[in-house]
PDB file of N, CA and C in Angstrom:
ATOM      1  N   MET A   1     140.447  98.212 153.438  1.00  0.00           N
ATOM      2  CA  MET A   1     139.577  98.594 154.503  1.00  0.00           C
ATOM      3  C   MET A   1     139.167  97.375 155.316  1.00  0.00           C
ATOM      4  N   CYS A   2     138.862  96.291 154.643  1.00  0.00           N
ATOM      5  CA  CYS A   2     138.409  95.083 155.348  1.00  0.00           C
ATOM      6  C   CYS A   2     139.470  94.531 156.291  1.00  0.00           C
ATOM      7  N   ALA A   3     140.714  94.509 155.842  1.00  0.00           N
ATOM      8  CA  ALA A   3     141.790  93.996 156.701  1.00  0.00           C
ATOM      9  C   ALA A   3     141.982  94.891 157.920  1.00  0.00           C
ATOM     10  N   ASN A   4     141.889  96.203 157.728  1.00  0.00           N
ATOM     11  CA  ASN A   4     141.993  97.120 158.863  1.00  0.00           C
ATOM     12  C   ASN A   4     140.848  96.915 159.841  1.00  0.00           C
ATOM     13  N   PHE A   5     139.656  96.647 159.296  1.00  0.00           N
ATOM     14  CA  PHE A   5     138.509  96.422 160.179  1.00  0.00           C
ATOM     15  C   PHE A   5     138.689  95.141 160.985  1.00  0.00           C
ATOM     16  N   ALA A   6     139.222  94.109 160.352  1.00  0.00           N
ATOM     17  CA  ALA A   6     139.489  92.861 161.081  1.00  0.00           C
ATOM     18  C   ALA A   6     140.472  93.107 162.219  1.00  0.00           C
ATOM     19  N   GLU A   7     141.468  93.904 161.957  1.00  0.00           N
ATOM     20  CA  GLU A   7     142.444  94.237 163.001  1.00  0.00           C
ATOM     21  C   GLU A   7     141.794  95.080 164.091  1.00  0.00           C
ATOM     22  N   ALA A   8     140.973  96.034 163.721  1.00  0.00           N
ATOM     23  CA  ALA A   8     140.267  96.861 164.714  1.00  0.00           C
ATOM     24  C   ALA A   8     139.402  95.982 165.604  1.00  0.00           C
ATOM     25  N   TRP A   9     138.714  95.035 165.000  1.00  0.00           N
ATOM     26  CA  TRP A   9     137.819  94.164 165.755  1.00  0.00           C
ATOM     27  C   TRP A   9     138.585  93.377 166.814  1.00  0.00           C
ATOM     28  N   ARG A  10     139.797  92.976 166.504  1.00  0.00           N
ATOM     29  CA  ARG A  10     140.628  92.234 167.453  1.00  0.00           C
ATOM     30  C   ARG A  10     141.208  93.136 168.545  1.00  0.00           C
ATOM     31  N   LYS A  11     141.156  94.431 168.352  1.00  0.00           N
ATOM     32  CA  LYS A  11     141.710  95.375 169.334  1.00  0.00           C
ATOM     33  C   LYS A  11     140.630  95.994 170.211  1.00  0.00           C
ATOM     34  N   ARG A  12     139.470  95.353 170.272  1.00  0.00           N
ATOM     35  CA  ARG A  12     138.357  95.905 171.040  1.00  0.00           C
ATOM     36  C   ARG A  12     138.599  95.930 172.546  1.00  0.00           C
ATOM     37  N   ARG A  13     139.644  95.300 173.004  1.00  0.00           N
ATOM     38  CA  ARG A  13     139.982  95.350 174.440  1.00  0.00           C
ATOM     39  C   ARG A  13     140.608  96.696 174.813  1.00  0.00           C
ATOM     40  N   TYR A  14     141.106  97.408 173.815  1.00  0.00           N
ATOM     41  CA  TYR A  14     141.851  98.642 174.052  1.00  0.00           C
ATOM     42  C   TYR A  14     141.198  99.782 173.265  1.00  0.00           C
ATOM     43  N   LYS A  15     140.478 100.626 173.969  1.00  0.00           N
ATOM     44  CA  LYS A  15     139.679 101.674 173.328  1.00  0.00           C
ATOM     45  C   LYS A  15     140.486 102.511 172.339  1.00  0.00           C
ATOM     46  N   ALA A  16     141.635 103.005 172.766  1.00  0.00           N
ATOM     47  CA  ALA A  16     142.433 103.882 171.897  1.00  0.00           C
ATOM     48  C   ALA A  16     142.900 103.149 170.639  1.00  0.00           C
ATOM     49  N   SER A  17     143.331 101.906 170.793  1.00  0.00           N
ATOM     50  CA  SER A  17     143.778 101.120 169.633  1.00  0.00           C
ATOM     51  C   SER A  17     142.621 100.821 168.695  1.00  0.00           C
ATOM     52  N   PHE A  18     141.482 100.503 169.277  1.00  0.00           N
ATOM     53  CA  PHE A  18     140.280 100.222 168.487  1.00  0.00           C
ATOM     54  C   PHE A  18     139.892 101.444 167.655  1.00  0.00           C
ATOM     55  N   ILE A  19     139.838 102.598 168.292  1.00  0.00           N
ATOM     56  CA  ILE A  19     139.471 103.826 167.591  1.00  0.00           C
ATOM     57  C   ILE A  19     140.502 104.182 166.526  1.00  0.00           C
ATOM     58  N   ALA A  20     141.772 103.999 166.841  1.00  0.00           N
ATOM     59  CA  ALA A  20     142.826 104.303 165.864  1.00  0.00           C
ATOM     60  C   ALA A  20     142.674 103.442 164.612  1.00  0.00           C
ATOM     61  N   LYS A  21     142.392 102.162 164.790  1.00  0.00           N
ATOM     62  CA  LYS A  21     142.224 101.274 163.646  1.00  0.00           C
ATOM     63  C   LYS A  21     140.950 101.610 162.876  1.00  0.00           C
ATOM     64  N   LEU A  22     139.888 101.987 163.597  1.00  0.00           N
ATOM     65  CA  LEU A  22     138.668 102.408 162.913  1.00  0.00           C
ATOM     66  C   LEU A  22     138.918 103.663 162.083  1.00  0.00           C
ATOM     67  N   ASN A  23     139.764 104.557 162.585  1.00  0.00           N
ATOM     68  CA  ASN A  23     140.135 105.745 161.817  1.00  0.00           C
ATOM     69  C   ASN A  23     140.870 105.351 160.540  1.00  0.00           C
ATOM     70  N   ASP A  24     141.729 104.331 160.643  1.00  0.00           N
ATOM     71  CA  ASP A  24     142.391 103.812 159.439  1.00  0.00           C
ATOM     72  C   ASP A  24     141.357 103.282 158.445  1.00  0.00           C
ATOM     73  N   CYS A  25     140.350 102.580 158.962  1.00  0.00           N
ATOM     74  CA  CYS A  25     139.278 102.066 158.102  1.00  0.00           C
ATOM     75  C   CYS A  25     138.550 103.198 157.403  1.00  0.00           C
ATOM     76  N   GLU A  26     138.256 104.245 158.161  1.00  0.00           N
ATOM     77  CA  GLU A  26     137.555 105.396 157.591  1.00  0.00           C
ATOM     78  C   GLU A  26     138.373 106.016 156.452  1.00  0.00           C
ATOM     79  N   SER A  27     139.663 106.163 156.678  1.00  0.00           N
ATOM     80  CA  SER A  27     140.542 106.725 155.646  1.00  0.00           C
ATOM     81  C   SER A  27     140.574 105.842 154.405  1.00  0.00           C
ATOM     82  N   GLU A  28     140.666 104.544 154.599  1.00  0.00           N
ATOM     83  CA  GLU A  28     140.714 103.611 153.471  1.00  0.00           C
ATOM     84  C   GLU A  28     139.401 103.617 152.692  1.00  0.00           C
ATOM     85  N   ALA A  29     138.285 103.704 153.399  1.00  0.00           N
ATOM     86  CA  ALA A  29     136.988 103.748 152.719  1.00  0.00           C
ATOM     87  C   ALA A  29     136.858 105.026 151.888  1.00  0.00           C
ATOM     88  N   ALA A  30     137.302 106.134 152.446  1.00  0.00           N
ATOM     89  CA  ALA A  30     137.268 107.398 151.699  1.00  0.00           C
ATOM     90  C   ALA A  30     138.197 107.325 150.490  1.00  0.00           C
ATOM     91  N   GLU A  31     139.343 106.699 150.655  1.00  0.00           N
ATOM     92  CA  GLU A  31     140.268 106.534 149.526  1.00  0.00           C
ATOM     93  C   GLU A  31     139.625 105.684 148.431  1.00  0.00           C
ATOM     94  N   THR A  32     138.911 104.653 148.829  1.00  0.00           N
ATOM     95  CA  THR A  32     138.222 103.814 147.851  1.00  0.00           C
ATOM     96  C   THR A  32     137.218 104.626 147.054  1.00  0.00           C
ATOM     97  N   GLN A  33     136.539 105.556 147.712  1.00  0.00           N
ATOM     98  CA  GLN A  33     135.599 106.409 146.987  1.00  0.00           C
ATOM     99  C   GLN A  33     136.316 107.245 145.922  1.00  0.00           C
ATOM    100  N   VAL A  34     137.507 107.703 146.234  1.00  0.00           N
ATOM    101  CA  VAL A  34     138.280 108.452 145.242  1.00  0.00           C
ATOM    102  C   VAL A  34     138.618 107.555 144.058  1.00  0.00           C
ATOM    103  N   TRP A  35     139.047 106.326 144.340  1.00  0.00           N
ATOM    104  CA  TRP A  35     139.373 105.405 143.255  1.00  0.00           C
ATOM    105  C   TRP A  35     138.142 105.062 142.426  1.00  0.00           C
ATOM    106  N   LEU A  36     136.985 105.000 143.052  1.00  0.00           N
ATOM    107  CA  LEU A  36     135.758 104.757 142.299  1.00  0.00           C
ATOM    108  C   LEU A  36     135.489 105.892 141.315  1.00  0.00           C
ATOM    109  N   LYS A  37     135.745 107.116 141.755  1.00  0.00           N
ATOM    110  CA  LYS A  37     135.572 108.260 140.850  1.00  0.00           C
ATOM    111  C   LYS A  37     136.515 108.149 139.655  1.00  0.00           C
ATOM    112  N   PHE A  38     137.759 107.758 139.910  1.00  0.00           N
ATOM    113  CA  PHE A  38     138.717 107.561 138.814  1.00  0.00           C
ATOM    114  C   PHE A  38     138.248 106.440 137.884  1.00  0.00           C
ATOM    115  N   ALA A  39     137.739 105.359 138.473  1.00  0.00           N
ATOM    116  CA  ALA A  39     137.296 104.221 137.662  1.00  0.00           C
ATOM    117  C   ALA A  39     136.164 104.622 136.729  1.00  0.00           C
ATOM    118  N   VAL A  40     135.254 105.456 137.212  1.00  0.00           N
ATOM    119  CA  VAL A  40     134.171 105.950 136.362  1.00  0.00           C
ATOM    120  C   VAL A  40     134.734 106.876 135.291  1.00  0.00           C
ATOM    121  N   LYS A  41     135.566 107.808 135.707  1.00  0.00           N
ATOM    122  CA  LYS A  41     136.140 108.789 134.771  1.00  0.00           C
ATOM    123  C   LYS A  41     136.928 108.103 133.654  1.00  0.00           C
ATOM    124  N   CYS A  42     137.627 107.032 133.998  1.00  0.00           N
ATOM    125  CA  CYS A  42     138.423 106.293 133.010  1.00  0.00           C
ATOM    126  C   CYS A  42     137.602 105.218 132.283  1.00  0.00           C
ATOM    127  N   GLN A  43     136.323 105.160 132.610  1.00  0.00           N
ATOM    128  CA  GLN A  43     135.380 104.223 131.994  1.00  0.00           C
ATOM    129  C   GLN A  43     135.718 102.757 132.245  1.00  0.00           C
ATOM    130  N   TYR A  44     136.315 102.480 133.417  1.00  0.00           N
ATOM    131  CA  TYR A  44     136.533 101.087 133.823  1.00  0.00           C
ATOM    132  C   TYR A  44     135.236 100.481 134.339  1.00  0.00           C
ATOM    133  N   ILE A  45     134.382 101.337 134.926  1.00  0.00           N
ATOM    134  CA  ILE A  45     133.064 100.914 135.387  1.00  0.00           C
ATOM    135  C   ILE A  45     132.051 101.965 134.916  1.00  0.00           C
ATOM    136  N   SER A  46     130.798 101.565 134.870  1.00  0.00           N
ATOM    137  CA  SER A  46     129.752 102.489 134.419  1.00  0.00           C
ATOM    138  C   SER A  46     129.451 103.522 135.509  1.00  0.00           C
ATOM    139  N   VAL A  47     128.825 104.602 135.102  1.00  0.00           N
ATOM    140  CA  VAL A  47     128.421 105.639 136.044  1.00  0.00           C
ATOM    141  C   VAL A  47     127.477 105.038 137.095  1.00  0.00           C
ATOM    142  N   GLU A  48     126.542 104.217 136.652  1.00  0.00           N
ATOM    143  CA  GLU A  48     125.578 103.606 137.574  1.00  0.00           C
ATOM    144  C   GLU A  48     126.272 102.708 138.596  1.00  0.00           C
ATOM    145  N   GLU A  49     127.196 101.896 138.125  1.00  0.00           N
ATOM    146  CA  GLU A  49     127.937 101.016 139.018  1.00  0.00           C
ATOM    147  C   GLU A  49     128.760 101.840 140.010  1.00  0.00           C
ATOM    148  N   GLY A  50     129.388 102.888 139.520  1.00  0.00           N
ATOM    149  CA  GLY A  50     130.162 103.767 140.389  1.00  0.00           C
ATOM    150  C   GLY A  50     129.298 104.402 141.460  1.00  0.00           C
ATOM    151  N   ARG A  51     128.106 104.863 141.061  1.00  0.00           N
ATOM    152  CA  ARG A  51     127.183 105.469 142.029  1.00  0.00           C
ATOM    153  C   ARG A  51     126.747 104.467 143.087  1.00  0.00           C
ATOM    154  N   ASP A  52     126.443 103.243 142.649  1.00  0.00           N
ATOM    155  CA  ASP A  52     126.018 102.207 143.599  1.00  0.00           C
ATOM    156  C   ASP A  52     127.118 101.890 144.606  1.00  0.00           C
ATOM    157  N   LEU A  53     128.325 101.708 144.094  1.00  0.00           N
ATOM    158  CA  LEU A  53     129.444 101.396 144.974  1.00  0.00           C
ATOM    159  C   LEU A  53     129.778 102.563 145.891  1.00  0.00           C
ATOM    160  N   TYR A  54     129.740 103.764 145.350  1.00  0.00           N
ATOM    161  CA  TYR A  54     130.012 104.967 146.147  1.00  0.00           C
ATOM    162  C   TYR A  54     128.989 105.086 147.279  1.00  0.00           C
ATOM    163  N   SER A  55     127.735 104.815 146.961  1.00  0.00           N
ATOM    164  CA  SER A  55     126.667 104.856 147.962  1.00  0.00           C
ATOM    165  C   SER A  55     126.889 103.807 149.052  1.00  0.00           C
ATOM    166  N   THR A  56     127.306 102.634 148.645  1.00  0.00           N
ATOM    167  CA  THR A  56     127.602 101.582 149.625  1.00  0.00           C
ATOM    168  C   THR A  56     128.714 102.029 150.564  1.00  0.00           C
ATOM    169  N   TYR A  57     129.744 102.652 150.007  1.00  0.00           N
ATOM    170  CA  TYR A  57     130.841 103.138 150.850  1.00  0.00           C
ATOM    171  C   TYR A  57     130.395 104.285 151.749  1.00  0.00           C
ATOM    172  N   ASN A  58     129.425 105.086 151.314  1.00  0.00           N
ATOM    173  CA  ASN A  58     128.859 106.104 152.212  1.00  0.00           C
ATOM    174  C   ASN A  58     128.211 105.443 153.420  1.00  0.00           C
ATOM    175  N   GLN A  59     127.519 104.331 153.212  1.00  0.00           N
ATOM    176  CA  GLN A  59     126.907 103.599 154.316  1.00  0.00           C
ATOM    177  C   GLN A  59     127.975 103.022 155.243  1.00  0.00           C
ATOM    178  N   VAL A  60     129.020 102.475 154.655  1.00  0.00           N
ATOM    179  CA  VAL A  60     130.130 101.937 155.449  1.00  0.00           C
ATOM    180  C   VAL A  60     130.755 103.054 156.288  1.00  0.00           C
ATOM    181  N   LEU A  61     131.012 104.187 155.653  1.00  0.00           N
ATOM    182  CA  LEU A  61     131.601 105.324 156.372  1.00  0.00           C
ATOM    183  C   LEU A  61     130.700 105.791 157.510  1.00  0.00           C
ATOM    184  N   SER A  62     129.412 105.819 157.277  1.00  0.00           N
ATOM    185  CA  SER A  62     128.473 106.222 158.321  1.00  0.00           C
ATOM    186  C   SER A  62     128.575 105.295 159.530  1.00  0.00           C
ATOM    187  N   GLY A  63     128.621 103.999 159.268  1.00  0.00           N
ATOM    188  CA  GLY A  63     128.764 103.034 160.361  1.00  0.00           C
ATOM    189  C   GLY A  63     130.079 103.181 161.097  1.00  0.00           C
ATOM    190  N   LEU A  64     131.147 103.403 160.363  1.00  0.00           N
ATOM    191  CA  LEU A  64     132.458 103.577 160.993  1.00  0.00           C
ATOM    192  C   LEU A  64     132.484 104.816 161.884  1.00  0.00           C
ATOM    193  N   VAL A  65     131.922 105.914 161.397  1.00  0.00           N
ATOM    194  CA  VAL A  65     131.898 107.148 162.197  1.00  0.00           C
ATOM    195  C   VAL A  65     131.098 106.938 163.475  1.00  0.00           C
ATOM    196  N   LYS A  66     129.990 106.221 163.387  1.00  0.00           N
ATOM    197  CA  LYS A  66     129.195 105.923 164.583  1.00  0.00           C
ATOM    198  C   LYS A  66     130.007 105.094 165.574  1.00  0.00           C
ATOM    199  N   MET A  67     130.741 104.115 165.057  1.00  0.00           N
ATOM    200  CA  MET A  67     131.572 103.286 165.936  1.00  0.00           C
ATOM    201  C   MET A  67     132.690 104.109 166.570  1.00  0.00           C
ATOM    202  N   ILE A  68     133.283 105.008 165.802  1.00  0.00           N
ATOM    203  CA  ILE A  68     134.358 105.856 166.319  1.00  0.00           C
ATOM    204  C   ILE A  68     133.825 106.790 167.404  1.00  0.00           C
ATOM    205  N   ASN A  69     132.654 107.361 167.169  1.00  0.00           N
ATOM    206  CA  ASN A  69     132.082 108.314 168.120  1.00  0.00           C
ATOM    207  C   ASN A  69     131.491 107.653 169.363  1.00  0.00           C
ATOM    208  N   HIS A  70     131.128 106.377 169.260  1.00  0.00           N
ATOM    209  CA  HIS A  70     130.519 105.653 170.384  1.00  0.00           C
ATOM    210  C   HIS A  70     131.101 104.243 170.470  1.00  0.00           C
ATOM    211  N   PRO A  71     132.383 104.119 170.792  1.00  0.00           N
ATOM    212  CA  PRO A  71     133.026 102.805 170.781  1.00  0.00           C
ATOM    213  C   PRO A  71     132.641 101.913 171.964  1.00  0.00           C
ATOM    214  N   GLU A  72     132.071 102.497 173.014  1.00  0.00           N
ATOM    215  CA  GLU A  72     131.838 101.767 174.258  1.00  0.00           C
ATOM    216  C   GLU A  72     131.034 100.482 174.043  1.00  0.00           C
ATOM    217  N   SER A  73     130.014 100.533 173.200  1.00  0.00           N
ATOM    218  CA  SER A  73     129.172  99.354 173.021  1.00  0.00           C
ATOM    219  C   SER A  73     129.876  98.238 172.261  1.00  0.00           C
ATOM    220  N   TRP A  74     131.015  98.518 171.673  1.00  0.00           N
ATOM    221  CA  TRP A  74     131.752  97.529 170.907  1.00  0.00           C
ATOM    222  C   TRP A  74     132.942  96.949 171.658  1.00  0.00           C
ATOM    223  N   LEU A  75     133.337  97.597 172.744  1.00  0.00           N
ATOM    224  CA  LEU A  75     134.538  97.187 173.462  1.00  0.00           C
ATOM    225  C   LEU A  75     134.297  95.918 174.284  1.00  0.00           C
ATOM    226  N   ILE A  76     135.372  95.181 174.493  1.00  0.00           N
ATOM    227  CA  ILE A  76     135.342  93.964 175.306  1.00  0.00           C
ATOM    228  C   ILE A  76     135.924  94.287 176.675  1.00  0.00           C
ATOM    229  N   GLY A  77     135.304  93.794 177.725  1.00  0.00           N
ATOM    230  CA  GLY A  77     135.863  93.960 179.070  1.00  0.00           C
ATOM    231  C   GLY A  77     135.633  95.349 179.646  1.00  0.00           C
ATOM    232  N   ASN A  78     136.330  95.605 180.739  1.00  0.00           N
ATOM    233  CA  ASN A  78     136.225  96.888 181.429  1.00  0.00           C
ATOM    234  C   ASN A  78     137.209  97.877 180.845  1.00  0.00           C
ATOM    235  N   ASN A  79     136.695  98.873 180.185  1.00  0.00           N
ATOM    236  CA  ASN A  79     137.570  99.867 179.582  1.00  0.00           C
ATOM    237  C   ASN A  79     137.167 101.220 180.094  1.00  0.00           C
TER     238      ASN A  79
END
């Protein structure tokens, strides 16, 4: 997710490209939440740790959705 976000940030000159990369970030963050559930189920991490990390990713997802829905304030130049 972080690498996709870095790429999205560099594409802020192009609204469609920026949004497309942010969508990739959103997908990766949601996928990470699935892996967190597996990690808890397989007892690689504790339930509490899984909940904390899952909650953090909910916050990340919320921010990404806001950026996707309102990209104008993040874009560079005249778009």
